[in-house]
Structures are given as structure tokens and as C-alpha cells.
Amino acid sequence: MGNAEVTEANAEEIEKLAISKPKCFLEGLQKLSREKQKKIIKSFIINPIFTDKNAIDKSLNSAWNNGEYQVQKQIFNEAKNSR
């Protein structure tokens, strides 16, 4: 499998996780360095390949609305505003 294929496979799984289990996705992000979180959010969440952006936004907003994951929300908003 080439690098592009691996990236595409990762994108599909990350997008699915962000939609179906946003809290699980955000919990996983929290375990990574801030730089890695930024890279994942910019690479896979801001410009999804397989999933509608609005669906991902809606899913993540449901997890953020309870006040958790504010660092990830900030990273997401910064990346979203710079696209």
C-alpha cells in the first residue's frame, strides 16, 4: 500500500470515528501532543474526504456542548478559520 492509500484509509476511519463516536475521537486526541492534535484535525477533520464537513461539525459540537474538550475545540476553530 502506498503512502497516499494509507492516508486515505486513515482518513476514512478517523472521519467515521468523529461522526459515530465523537467523545471517543476527542478522548484519543487528548492523549496526543498539541502539535499532533493540530495535524490530525487539519489533515482529516477540516477537509474530510469521505464525510460531509457539516456532519462532522455537528457531531463534534454535540461533544463540545458539555464543556469538555475545549483545547480540541480551540484547535478545530483555529484550523477552520484558517482554511
Protein backbone atom coordinates (compact mmCIF):
# COMPACT_ATOMS: atom_id res chain seq x y z
CA MET A 1 0.00 0.00 0.00
CA GLY A 2 1.39 3.42 -0.95
CA ASN A 3 1.53 6.44 1.34
CA ALA A 4 -1.49 8.06 -0.31
CA GLU A 5 -3.51 4.88 0.17
CA VAL A 6 -2.54 4.69 3.84
CA THR A 7 -3.50 8.33 4.34
CA GLU A 8 -6.83 7.74 2.60
CA ALA A 9 -7.54 4.67 4.75
CA ASN A 10 -6.70 6.65 7.88
CA ALA A 11 -8.95 9.49 6.74
CA GLU A 12 -11.89 7.15 6.30
CA GLU A 13 -11.50 5.64 9.77
CA ILE A 14 -10.88 8.97 11.52
CA GLU A 15 -13.89 10.56 9.84
CA LYS A 16 -16.11 7.59 10.78
CA LEU A 17 -14.95 7.79 14.39
CA ALA A 18 -15.54 11.55 14.59
CA ILE A 19 -19.11 11.03 13.34
CA SER A 20 -20.12 7.87 15.18
CA LYS A 21 -18.23 8.30 18.46
CA PRO A 22 -17.14 11.93 18.81
CA LYS A 23 -16.27 11.60 22.51
CA CYS A 24 -14.05 8.60 21.78
CA PHE A 25 -12.35 10.53 18.98
CA LEU A 26 -11.76 13.54 21.25
CA GLU A 27 -10.53 11.35 24.11
CA GLY A 28 -7.98 9.86 21.74
CA LEU A 29 -6.88 13.30 20.60
CA GLN A 30 -6.37 14.40 24.21
CA LYS A 31 -3.72 11.73 24.63
CA LEU A 32 -1.59 13.26 21.85
CA SER A 33 0.64 16.32 21.85
CA ARG A 34 -0.97 19.57 20.81
CA GLU A 35 1.05 19.52 17.56
CA LYS A 36 -0.23 16.04 16.67
CA GLN A 37 -3.78 17.09 17.51
CA LYS A 38 -3.44 20.06 15.14
CA LYS A 39 -2.09 17.84 12.38
CA ILE A 40 -4.93 15.31 12.69
CA ILE A 41 -7.62 17.98 12.84
CA LYS A 42 -6.18 19.90 9.87
CA SER A 43 -5.46 16.79 7.80
CA PHE A 44 -8.61 14.77 8.40
CA ILE A 45 -11.37 16.80 10.07
CA ILE A 46 -11.31 20.25 8.49
CA ASN A 47 -11.31 18.93 4.90
CA PRO A 48 -12.79 15.43 5.06
CA ILE A 49 -12.61 13.13 2.05
CA PHE A 50 -15.45 10.70 2.79
CA THR A 51 -17.81 12.63 5.05
CA ASP A 52 -19.70 15.89 4.81
CA LYS A 53 -17.99 18.70 6.79
CA ASN A 54 -21.29 19.74 8.34
CA ALA A 55 -21.91 16.23 9.67
CA ILE A 56 -18.51 16.22 11.38
CA ASP A 57 -19.10 19.73 12.77
CA LYS A 58 -22.49 18.69 14.14
CA SER A 59 -21.10 15.53 15.71
CA LEU A 60 -18.16 17.27 17.38
CA ASN A 61 -20.37 20.14 18.55
CA SER A 62 -22.53 17.63 20.41
CA ALA A 63 -19.47 16.53 22.40
CA TRP A 64 -18.17 20.06 22.97
CA ASN A 65 -21.50 21.39 24.21
CA ASN A 66 -20.99 19.78 27.62
CA GLY A 67 -17.89 21.90 28.26
CA GLU A 68 -15.28 19.21 27.75
CA TYR A 69 -12.56 19.11 25.10
CA GLN A 70 -12.09 22.88 24.98
CA VAL A 71 -8.47 22.59 23.80
CA GLN A 72 -9.57 20.44 20.87
CA LYS A 73 -12.42 22.82 20.13
CA GLN A 74 -9.98 25.73 20.06
CA ILE A 75 -7.62 23.86 17.70
CA PHE A 76 -10.58 22.97 15.47
CA ASN A 77 -11.85 26.55 15.32
CA GLU A 78 -8.38 27.95 14.60
CA ALA A 79 -7.90 25.44 11.78
CA LYS A 80 -11.39 26.07 10.43
CA ASN A 81 -10.85 29.83 10.37
CA SER A 82 -7.55 29.47 8.52
CA ARG A 83 -8.85 27.28 5.67
